[in-house]
Amino acid sequence: MNAIRHIRRLAGVLAGLAGVLLAFGATPAFAGILQPDPGGLLPHPPVLPAQVTGPVTGSVHTVVIGGMPGWQIALIAVTAALFAATTTIAVLADHVRAGRR
């Protein structure tokens, strides 16, 4: 093999290892960052009270502070399925092309 190929392969491996090291090394550091509490020193965020819709029914609606809407979850699932299908078709096409050589 050519010396340049060895150097290029070594550089690729080192870049991959550096990325893995950065990903696993930075995650605990970012997880330990504490956000300042604007309302004072509370151990957890304040919980909002539930809203009562009416005196007759007595049903209670909870207040949703965060989360992801269902349409975004569905969009992510459809995108992942399309990506997987595209990758599968590309791999099969490559195998077919390699078989014809």
N, C-alpha and C. Protein backbone atom coordinates (compact mmCIF):
# COMPACT_ATOMS: atom_id res chain seq x y z
N MET A 1 0.83 -1.19 0.00
CA MET A 1 0.00 0.00 0.00
C MET A 1 0.88 1.25 0.00
N ASN A 2 0.30 2.27 -0.46
CA ASN A 2 0.98 3.54 -0.53
C ASN A 2 1.05 4.17 0.88
N ALA A 3 2.12 4.91 1.14
CA ALA A 3 2.29 5.53 2.46
C ALA A 3 1.20 6.57 2.73
N ILE A 4 0.74 7.24 1.70
CA ILE A 4 -0.31 8.25 1.88
C ILE A 4 -1.61 7.59 2.35
N ARG A 5 -1.90 6.39 1.86
CA ARG A 5 -3.12 5.69 2.31
C ARG A 5 -3.03 5.33 3.78
N HIS A 6 -1.84 4.92 4.22
CA HIS A 6 -1.67 4.61 5.64
C HIS A 6 -1.86 5.86 6.49
N ILE A 7 -1.30 6.96 6.04
CA ILE A 7 -1.44 8.22 6.79
C ILE A 7 -2.89 8.68 6.80
N ARG A 8 -3.57 8.56 5.65
CA ARG A 8 -4.96 8.98 5.57
C ARG A 8 -5.85 8.10 6.48
N ARG A 9 -5.59 6.80 6.47
CA ARG A 9 -6.37 5.90 7.31
C ARG A 9 -6.11 6.19 8.79
N LEU A 10 -4.85 6.43 9.15
CA LEU A 10 -4.51 6.77 10.52
C LEU A 10 -5.16 8.08 10.95
N ALA A 11 -5.16 9.07 10.05
CA ALA A 11 -5.80 10.35 10.37
C ALA A 11 -7.30 10.18 10.57
N GLY A 12 -7.94 9.32 9.77
CA GLY A 12 -9.37 9.07 9.93
C GLY A 12 -9.68 8.39 11.25
N VAL A 13 -8.86 7.42 11.62
CA VAL A 13 -9.06 6.73 12.90
C VAL A 13 -8.86 7.70 14.06
N LEU A 14 -7.83 8.52 14.00
CA LEU A 14 -7.58 9.49 15.07
C LEU A 14 -8.71 10.52 15.17
N ALA A 15 -9.23 10.95 14.03
CA ALA A 15 -10.35 11.91 14.05
C ALA A 15 -11.59 11.27 14.67
N GLY A 16 -11.85 10.00 14.33
CA GLY A 16 -12.99 9.31 14.93
C GLY A 16 -12.84 9.14 16.43
N LEU A 17 -11.64 8.76 16.87
CA LEU A 17 -11.40 8.61 18.30
C LEU A 17 -11.51 9.95 19.03
N ALA A 18 -11.05 11.02 18.39
CA ALA A 18 -11.17 12.34 19.00
C ALA A 18 -12.64 12.74 19.14
N GLY A 19 -13.46 12.41 18.14
CA GLY A 19 -14.88 12.71 18.23
C GLY A 19 -15.57 11.94 19.34
N VAL A 20 -15.22 10.65 19.46
CA VAL A 20 -15.80 9.84 20.53
C VAL A 20 -15.36 10.37 21.89
N LEU A 21 -14.09 10.70 22.01
CA LEU A 21 -13.59 11.23 23.27
C LEU A 21 -14.27 12.55 23.63
N LEU A 22 -14.47 13.39 22.64
CA LEU A 22 -15.16 14.66 22.88
C LEU A 22 -16.60 14.43 23.29
N ALA A 23 -17.27 13.50 22.63
CA ALA A 23 -18.68 13.25 22.94
C ALA A 23 -18.84 12.69 24.36
N PHE A 24 -18.02 11.69 24.71
CA PHE A 24 -18.17 11.09 26.03
C PHE A 24 -17.54 11.95 27.13
N GLY A 25 -16.56 12.75 26.78
CA GLY A 25 -15.92 13.59 27.79
C GLY A 25 -16.70 14.84 28.11
N ALA A 26 -17.40 15.40 27.12
CA ALA A 26 -18.12 16.65 27.33
C ALA A 26 -19.50 16.42 27.94
N THR A 27 -20.06 15.24 27.77
CA THR A 27 -21.41 14.99 28.26
C THR A 27 -21.51 15.15 29.78
N PRO A 28 -20.64 14.54 30.59
CA PRO A 28 -20.77 14.75 32.04
C PRO A 28 -20.52 16.20 32.45
N ALA A 29 -19.65 16.89 31.72
CA ALA A 29 -19.39 18.29 32.06
C ALA A 29 -20.62 19.15 31.82
N PHE A 30 -21.32 18.91 30.70
CA PHE A 30 -22.51 19.70 30.42
C PHE A 30 -23.68 19.29 31.30
N ALA A 31 -23.71 18.03 31.74
CA ALA A 31 -24.80 17.58 32.60
C ALA A 31 -24.70 18.19 33.99
N GLY A 32 -23.51 18.57 34.41
CA GLY A 32 -23.34 19.12 35.74
C GLY A 32 -23.58 20.61 35.84
N ILE A 33 -23.85 21.28 34.73
CA ILE A 33 -24.08 22.72 34.76
C ILE A 33 -25.43 23.00 35.41
N LEU A 34 -25.46 23.83 36.42
CA LEU A 34 -26.70 24.19 37.08
C LEU A 34 -27.22 25.51 36.52
N GLN A 35 -28.49 25.53 36.21
CA GLN A 35 -29.11 26.74 35.71
C GLN A 35 -29.53 27.60 36.90
N PRO A 36 -29.33 28.90 36.81
CA PRO A 36 -29.75 29.76 37.93
C PRO A 36 -31.27 29.78 38.04
N ASP A 37 -31.76 29.80 39.26
CA ASP A 37 -33.19 29.84 39.53
C ASP A 37 -33.60 31.30 39.69
N PRO A 38 -34.46 31.83 38.80
CA PRO A 38 -34.81 33.24 38.89
C PRO A 38 -35.67 33.56 40.11
N GLY A 39 -36.37 32.58 40.67
CA GLY A 39 -37.27 32.86 41.79
C GLY A 39 -36.63 32.68 43.15
N GLY A 40 -35.41 32.27 43.21
CA GLY A 40 -34.78 32.01 44.49
C GLY A 40 -34.07 30.67 44.45
N LEU A 41 -33.74 30.15 45.60
CA LEU A 41 -33.04 28.88 45.67
C LEU A 41 -34.03 27.75 45.95
N LEU A 42 -34.66 27.25 44.90
CA LEU A 42 -35.60 26.15 45.03
C LEU A 42 -34.94 24.85 44.59
N PRO A 43 -35.21 23.75 45.27
CA PRO A 43 -34.61 22.49 44.85
C PRO A 43 -35.21 21.94 43.56
N HIS A 44 -36.39 22.36 43.19
CA HIS A 44 -37.05 21.89 41.96
C HIS A 44 -37.89 23.04 41.41
N PRO A 45 -38.27 22.95 40.13
CA PRO A 45 -39.09 24.03 39.57
C PRO A 45 -40.47 24.06 40.23
N PRO A 46 -41.09 25.22 40.28
CA PRO A 46 -42.40 25.32 40.93
C PRO A 46 -43.45 24.52 40.15
N VAL A 47 -44.38 23.94 40.87
CA VAL A 47 -45.45 23.17 40.26
C VAL A 47 -46.68 24.06 40.20
N LEU A 48 -47.25 24.16 39.01
CA LEU A 48 -48.44 24.99 38.84
C LEU A 48 -49.67 24.22 39.32
N PRO A 49 -50.63 24.90 39.93
CA PRO A 49 -51.83 24.20 40.37
C PRO A 49 -52.71 23.81 39.20
N ALA A 50 -53.54 22.83 39.40
CA ALA A 50 -54.47 22.38 38.36
C ALA A 50 -55.61 23.38 38.23
N GLN A 51 -56.20 23.43 37.04
CA GLN A 51 -57.31 24.34 36.80
C GLN A 51 -58.62 23.56 36.86
N VAL A 52 -59.56 24.07 37.60
CA VAL A 52 -60.87 23.44 37.69
C VAL A 52 -61.75 24.07 36.63
N THR A 53 -62.40 23.21 35.79
CA THR A 53 -63.17 23.75 34.67
C THR A 53 -64.54 24.26 35.10
N GLY A 54 -65.16 23.63 36.05
CA GLY A 54 -66.48 24.11 36.46
C GLY A 54 -66.89 23.50 37.78
N PRO A 55 -67.79 24.19 38.47
CA PRO A 55 -68.20 23.66 39.77
C PRO A 55 -69.11 22.44 39.67
N VAL A 56 -69.80 22.28 38.53
CA VAL A 56 -70.75 21.18 38.43
C VAL A 56 -70.04 19.87 38.11
N THR A 57 -69.16 19.90 37.11
CA THR A 57 -68.51 18.66 36.69
C THR A 57 -67.40 18.27 37.65
N GLY A 58 -66.65 19.23 38.10
CA GLY A 58 -65.54 18.94 39.00
C GLY A 58 -64.35 18.29 38.32
N SER A 59 -64.33 18.30 36.98
CA SER A 59 -63.19 17.70 36.29
C SER A 59 -61.98 18.62 36.38
N VAL A 60 -60.82 18.04 36.39
CA VAL A 60 -59.58 18.78 36.57
C VAL A 60 -58.70 18.58 35.35
N HIS A 61 -58.15 19.67 34.82
CA HIS A 61 -57.19 19.62 33.72
C HIS A 61 -55.81 19.93 34.27
N THR A 62 -54.87 19.08 33.97
CA THR A 62 -53.51 19.35 34.42
C THR A 62 -52.85 20.36 33.50
N VAL A 63 -51.93 21.10 34.05
CA VAL A 63 -51.21 22.10 33.29
C VAL A 63 -49.93 21.46 32.76
N VAL A 64 -49.78 21.47 31.44
CA VAL A 64 -48.61 20.88 30.82
C VAL A 64 -47.57 21.97 30.63
N ILE A 65 -46.40 21.77 31.23
CA ILE A 65 -45.35 22.77 31.14
C ILE A 65 -44.42 22.51 29.95
N GLY A 66 -44.11 21.26 29.71
CA GLY A 66 -43.19 20.93 28.63
C GLY A 66 -43.61 19.66 27.95
N GLY A 67 -42.81 19.25 26.97
CA GLY A 67 -43.11 18.02 26.25
C GLY A 67 -43.05 18.26 24.75
N MET A 68 -43.28 17.20 24.01
CA MET A 68 -43.23 17.27 22.56
C MET A 68 -44.61 16.92 22.01
N PRO A 69 -45.14 17.74 21.11
CA PRO A 69 -46.45 17.43 20.53
C PRO A 69 -46.41 16.13 19.72
N GLY A 70 -47.56 15.51 19.59
CA GLY A 70 -47.65 14.24 18.88
C GLY A 70 -47.26 14.34 17.42
N TRP A 71 -47.57 15.45 16.76
CA TRP A 71 -47.25 15.56 15.35
C TRP A 71 -45.74 15.61 15.13
N GLN A 72 -44.99 16.16 16.09
CA GLN A 72 -43.54 16.17 15.95
C GLN A 72 -42.97 14.77 16.12
N ILE A 73 -43.53 14.00 17.03
CA ILE A 73 -43.08 12.62 17.21
C ILE A 73 -43.38 11.81 15.95
N ALA A 74 -44.57 12.00 15.37
CA ALA A 74 -44.92 11.30 14.15
C ALA A 74 -44.00 11.71 12.99
N LEU A 75 -43.68 12.99 12.91
CA LEU A 75 -42.79 13.47 11.85
C LEU A 75 -41.40 12.87 11.99
N ILE A 76 -40.89 12.76 13.20
CA ILE A 76 -39.58 12.15 13.42
C ILE A 76 -39.61 10.67 13.04
N ALA A 77 -40.69 9.97 13.39
CA ALA A 77 -40.81 8.55 13.06
C ALA A 77 -40.88 8.33 11.55
N VAL A 78 -41.64 9.16 10.86
CA VAL A 78 -41.75 9.04 9.39
C VAL A 78 -40.41 9.35 8.73
N THR A 79 -39.73 10.36 9.21
CA THR A 79 -38.42 10.71 8.65
C THR A 79 -37.42 9.59 8.85
N ALA A 80 -37.41 8.98 10.03
CA ALA A 80 -36.50 7.87 10.30
C ALA A 80 -36.83 6.67 9.42
N ALA A 81 -38.12 6.40 9.20
CA ALA A 81 -38.51 5.29 8.34
C ALA A 81 -38.10 5.54 6.89
N LEU A 82 -38.28 6.76 6.41
CA LEU A 82 -37.86 7.09 5.04
C LEU A 82 -36.34 7.00 4.87
N PHE A 83 -35.61 7.44 5.89
CA PHE A 83 -34.16 7.34 5.83
C PHE A 83 -33.71 5.89 5.80
N ALA A 84 -34.34 5.05 6.62
CA ALA A 84 -33.99 3.63 6.63
C ALA A 84 -34.32 2.97 5.30
N ALA A 85 -35.46 3.32 4.72
CA ALA A 85 -35.84 2.74 3.43
C ALA A 85 -34.88 3.20 2.33
N THR A 86 -34.50 4.45 2.34
CA THR A 86 -33.57 4.97 1.34
C THR A 86 -32.21 4.29 1.46
N THR A 87 -31.75 4.10 2.67
CA THR A 87 -30.47 3.42 2.89
C THR A 87 -30.53 1.98 2.42
N THR A 88 -31.64 1.30 2.71
CA THR A 88 -31.80 -0.09 2.28
C THR A 88 -31.79 -0.19 0.76
N ILE A 89 -32.49 0.70 0.10
CA ILE A 89 -32.53 0.68 -1.37
C ILE A 89 -31.14 0.96 -1.94
N ALA A 90 -30.41 1.89 -1.33
CA ALA A 90 -29.06 2.20 -1.82
C ALA A 90 -28.12 1.01 -1.65
N VAL A 91 -28.23 0.31 -0.54
CA VAL A 91 -27.38 -0.87 -0.32
C VAL A 91 -27.73 -1.96 -1.30
N LEU A 92 -29.02 -2.21 -1.53
CA LEU A 92 -29.43 -3.23 -2.49
C LEU A 92 -28.98 -2.88 -3.90
N ALA A 93 -29.09 -1.62 -4.26
CA ALA A 93 -28.64 -1.20 -5.59
C ALA A 93 -27.13 -1.37 -5.74
N ASP A 94 -26.39 -1.11 -4.68
CA ASP A 94 -24.94 -1.30 -4.73
C ASP A 94 -24.59 -2.77 -4.89
N HIS A 95 -25.32 -3.65 -4.21
CA HIS A 95 -25.07 -5.08 -4.34
C HIS A 95 -25.39 -5.57 -5.74
N VAL A 96 -26.47 -5.06 -6.32
CA VAL A 96 -26.83 -5.44 -7.68
C VAL A 96 -25.77 -4.96 -8.66
N ARG A 97 -25.32 -3.75 -8.48
CA ARG A 97 -24.30 -3.20 -9.37
C ARG A 97 -22.99 -3.96 -9.23
N ALA A 98 -22.63 -4.34 -8.00
CA ALA A 98 -21.40 -5.09 -7.80
C ALA A 98 -21.52 -6.50 -8.38
N GLY A 99 -22.71 -7.06 -8.37
CA GLY A 99 -22.91 -8.40 -8.94
C GLY A 99 -22.81 -8.43 -10.44
N ARG A 100 -23.08 -7.34 -11.10
CA ARG A 100 -23.01 -7.29 -12.57
C ARG A 100 -21.61 -7.08 -13.10
N ARG A 101 -20.67 -6.76 -12.24
CA ARG A 101 -19.30 -6.52 -12.70
C ARG A 101 -18.60 -7.78 -13.08
